[in-house]
N, C-alpha and C. Protein backbone atom coordinates (compact mmCIF):
# COMPACT_ATOMS: atom_id res chain seq x y z
N MET A 1 90.38 119.21 100.89
CA MET A 1 89.94 117.93 100.43
C MET A 1 89.77 117.97 98.91
N THR A 2 90.62 117.24 98.24
CA THR A 2 90.54 117.21 96.79
C THR A 2 90.49 115.77 96.32
N GLY A 3 90.18 115.60 95.08
CA GLY A 3 90.09 114.27 94.50
C GLY A 3 89.50 114.37 93.11
N ARG A 4 88.92 113.30 92.66
CA ARG A 4 88.26 113.33 91.36
C ARG A 4 87.10 114.30 91.39
N LEU A 5 86.69 114.74 90.25
CA LEU A 5 85.55 115.64 90.15
C LEU A 5 84.31 114.97 90.75
N GLY A 6 83.68 115.63 91.69
CA GLY A 6 82.49 115.08 92.32
C GLY A 6 82.76 114.15 93.49
N SER A 7 84.02 113.97 93.88
CA SER A 7 84.32 113.10 95.01
C SER A 7 85.02 113.90 96.09
N ILE A 8 85.07 113.33 97.27
CA ILE A 8 85.70 113.97 98.42
C ILE A 8 86.85 113.09 98.87
N ALA A 9 88.01 113.69 99.11
CA ALA A 9 89.15 112.93 99.63
C ALA A 9 89.38 113.34 101.08
N CYS A 10 89.69 112.39 101.93
CA CYS A 10 89.96 112.69 103.32
C CYS A 10 90.99 111.69 103.85
N SER A 11 91.51 112.00 105.01
CA SER A 11 92.51 111.11 105.60
C SER A 11 91.83 109.82 106.06
N PRO A 12 92.59 108.75 106.25
CA PRO A 12 91.98 107.50 106.70
C PRO A 12 91.25 107.65 108.04
N ARG A 13 91.80 108.45 108.93
CA ARG A 13 91.15 108.65 110.23
C ARG A 13 89.81 109.37 110.08
N GLN A 14 89.81 110.44 109.26
CA GLN A 14 88.56 111.16 109.01
C GLN A 14 87.55 110.24 108.35
N TYR A 15 87.99 109.41 107.42
CA TYR A 15 87.09 108.50 106.73
C TYR A 15 86.44 107.51 107.70
N ARG A 16 87.24 106.94 108.61
CA ARG A 16 86.69 105.99 109.58
C ARG A 16 85.58 106.62 110.41
N TRP A 17 85.82 107.85 110.90
CA TRP A 17 84.80 108.51 111.72
C TRP A 17 83.58 108.88 110.89
N LEU A 18 83.81 109.37 109.67
CA LEU A 18 82.69 109.70 108.80
C LEU A 18 81.89 108.45 108.44
N ASP A 19 82.58 107.35 108.19
CA ASP A 19 81.92 106.10 107.86
C ASP A 19 81.07 105.61 109.03
N ARG A 20 81.63 105.64 110.22
CA ARG A 20 80.86 105.23 111.41
C ARG A 20 79.62 106.09 111.60
N THR A 21 79.81 107.40 111.47
CA THR A 21 78.71 108.34 111.69
C THR A 21 77.59 108.13 110.68
N THR A 22 77.95 107.97 109.40
CA THR A 22 76.90 107.79 108.40
C THR A 22 76.20 106.44 108.56
N LYS A 23 76.94 105.42 108.93
CA LYS A 23 76.30 104.10 109.14
C LYS A 23 75.32 104.15 110.31
N LEU A 24 75.74 104.76 111.42
CA LEU A 24 74.85 104.87 112.58
C LEU A 24 73.65 105.76 112.28
N GLY A 25 73.87 106.85 111.55
CA GLY A 25 72.76 107.72 111.17
C GLY A 25 71.78 106.99 110.26
N GLY A 26 72.30 106.21 109.33
CA GLY A 26 71.44 105.43 108.45
C GLY A 26 70.62 104.40 109.20
N ILE A 27 71.26 103.73 110.14
CA ILE A 27 70.54 102.74 110.95
C ILE A 27 69.46 103.42 111.79
N ALA A 28 69.76 104.59 112.32
CA ALA A 28 68.76 105.32 113.12
C ALA A 28 67.56 105.71 112.26
N LEU A 29 67.81 106.14 111.02
CA LEU A 29 66.70 106.50 110.15
C LEU A 29 65.87 105.28 109.75
N ILE A 30 66.53 104.17 109.50
CA ILE A 30 65.79 102.95 109.19
C ILE A 30 64.94 102.52 110.38
N ALA A 31 65.52 102.59 111.57
CA ALA A 31 64.76 102.23 112.78
C ALA A 31 63.58 103.18 112.97
N ALA A 32 63.77 104.47 112.70
CA ALA A 32 62.67 105.42 112.81
C ALA A 32 61.57 105.10 111.80
N GLY A 33 61.97 104.70 110.61
CA GLY A 33 60.99 104.30 109.60
C GLY A 33 60.19 103.09 110.03
N LEU A 34 60.85 102.14 110.65
CA LEU A 34 60.14 100.97 111.15
C LEU A 34 59.23 101.31 112.32
N GLU A 35 59.67 102.24 113.14
CA GLU A 35 58.87 102.66 114.29
C GLU A 35 57.60 103.38 113.83
N VAL A 36 57.73 104.21 112.81
CA VAL A 36 56.58 104.93 112.27
C VAL A 36 55.61 103.94 111.62
N GLY A 37 56.16 102.93 111.01
CA GLY A 37 55.36 101.92 110.33
C GLY A 37 55.99 101.62 108.98
N GLY A 38 56.51 100.44 108.85
CA GLY A 38 57.21 100.06 107.63
C GLY A 38 56.34 100.00 106.40
N ASP A 39 55.02 99.99 106.59
CA ASP A 39 54.13 99.92 105.45
C ASP A 39 53.49 101.28 105.13
N THR A 40 53.93 102.34 105.81
CA THR A 40 53.41 103.67 105.53
C THR A 40 54.37 104.41 104.60
N GLY A 41 53.89 105.44 103.97
CA GLY A 41 54.73 106.24 103.07
C GLY A 41 55.89 106.88 103.81
N LEU A 42 55.62 107.40 104.99
CA LEU A 42 56.66 108.04 105.78
C LEU A 42 57.71 107.02 106.22
N GLY A 43 57.26 105.86 106.63
CA GLY A 43 58.19 104.82 107.06
C GLY A 43 59.10 104.37 105.93
N ILE A 44 58.53 104.20 104.75
CA ILE A 44 59.32 103.80 103.59
C ILE A 44 60.30 104.90 103.21
N ALA A 45 59.85 106.16 103.27
CA ALA A 45 60.73 107.28 102.93
C ALA A 45 61.90 107.38 103.91
N LEU A 46 61.62 107.24 105.21
CA LEU A 46 62.70 107.29 106.21
C LEU A 46 63.70 106.16 106.00
N ALA A 47 63.20 104.97 105.71
CA ALA A 47 64.09 103.84 105.48
C ALA A 47 64.94 104.05 104.24
N ALA A 48 64.34 104.58 103.18
CA ALA A 48 65.09 104.84 101.95
C ALA A 48 66.17 105.90 102.17
N ILE A 49 65.84 106.94 102.91
CA ILE A 49 66.83 107.97 103.23
C ILE A 49 67.92 107.37 104.11
N GLY A 50 67.56 106.51 105.03
CA GLY A 50 68.55 105.85 105.88
C GLY A 50 69.53 105.01 105.08
N VAL A 51 69.03 104.30 104.10
CA VAL A 51 69.92 103.51 103.24
C VAL A 51 70.85 104.43 102.47
N ALA A 52 70.32 105.53 101.93
CA ALA A 52 71.15 106.48 101.19
C ALA A 52 72.23 107.10 102.08
N VAL A 53 71.86 107.47 103.29
CA VAL A 53 72.84 108.05 104.22
C VAL A 53 73.91 107.02 104.58
N GLY A 54 73.50 105.79 104.80
CA GLY A 54 74.45 104.74 105.15
C GLY A 54 75.44 104.42 104.05
N LEU A 55 75.06 104.67 102.83
CA LEU A 55 75.94 104.37 101.70
C LEU A 55 76.73 105.56 101.19
N THR A 56 76.63 106.72 101.83
CA THR A 56 77.31 107.91 101.32
C THR A 56 78.83 107.78 101.33
N THR A 57 79.40 107.01 102.21
CA THR A 57 80.87 106.92 102.26
C THR A 57 81.42 106.07 101.12
N VAL A 58 80.59 105.44 100.33
CA VAL A 58 81.08 104.67 99.20
C VAL A 58 81.74 105.58 98.18
N ILE A 59 81.28 106.82 98.06
CA ILE A 59 81.83 107.73 97.04
C ILE A 59 83.03 108.54 97.53
N ILE A 60 83.43 108.36 98.78
CA ILE A 60 84.54 109.14 99.34
C ILE A 60 85.83 108.34 99.21
N THR A 61 86.90 109.03 98.78
CA THR A 61 88.20 108.38 98.64
C THR A 61 89.12 108.82 99.77
N THR A 62 90.02 107.93 100.17
CA THR A 62 91.01 108.29 101.19
C THR A 62 92.33 108.60 100.52
N GLN A 63 93.13 109.44 101.15
CA GLN A 63 94.43 109.82 100.58
C GLN A 63 95.48 108.81 100.95
């Protein structure tokens, strides 16, 4: 997997699966944050991590 410095390149098929996985993982973390309590420090931290995980495929390029 090569690409620009600091980026990851993958095939379109790999990207689709990685994109789905990160989006579902992000949603699960956001839901866990809401379950813990959206107004608690832990809940906010889980939701913030969930958003970050959900957006990780933005920096990945396809070949």
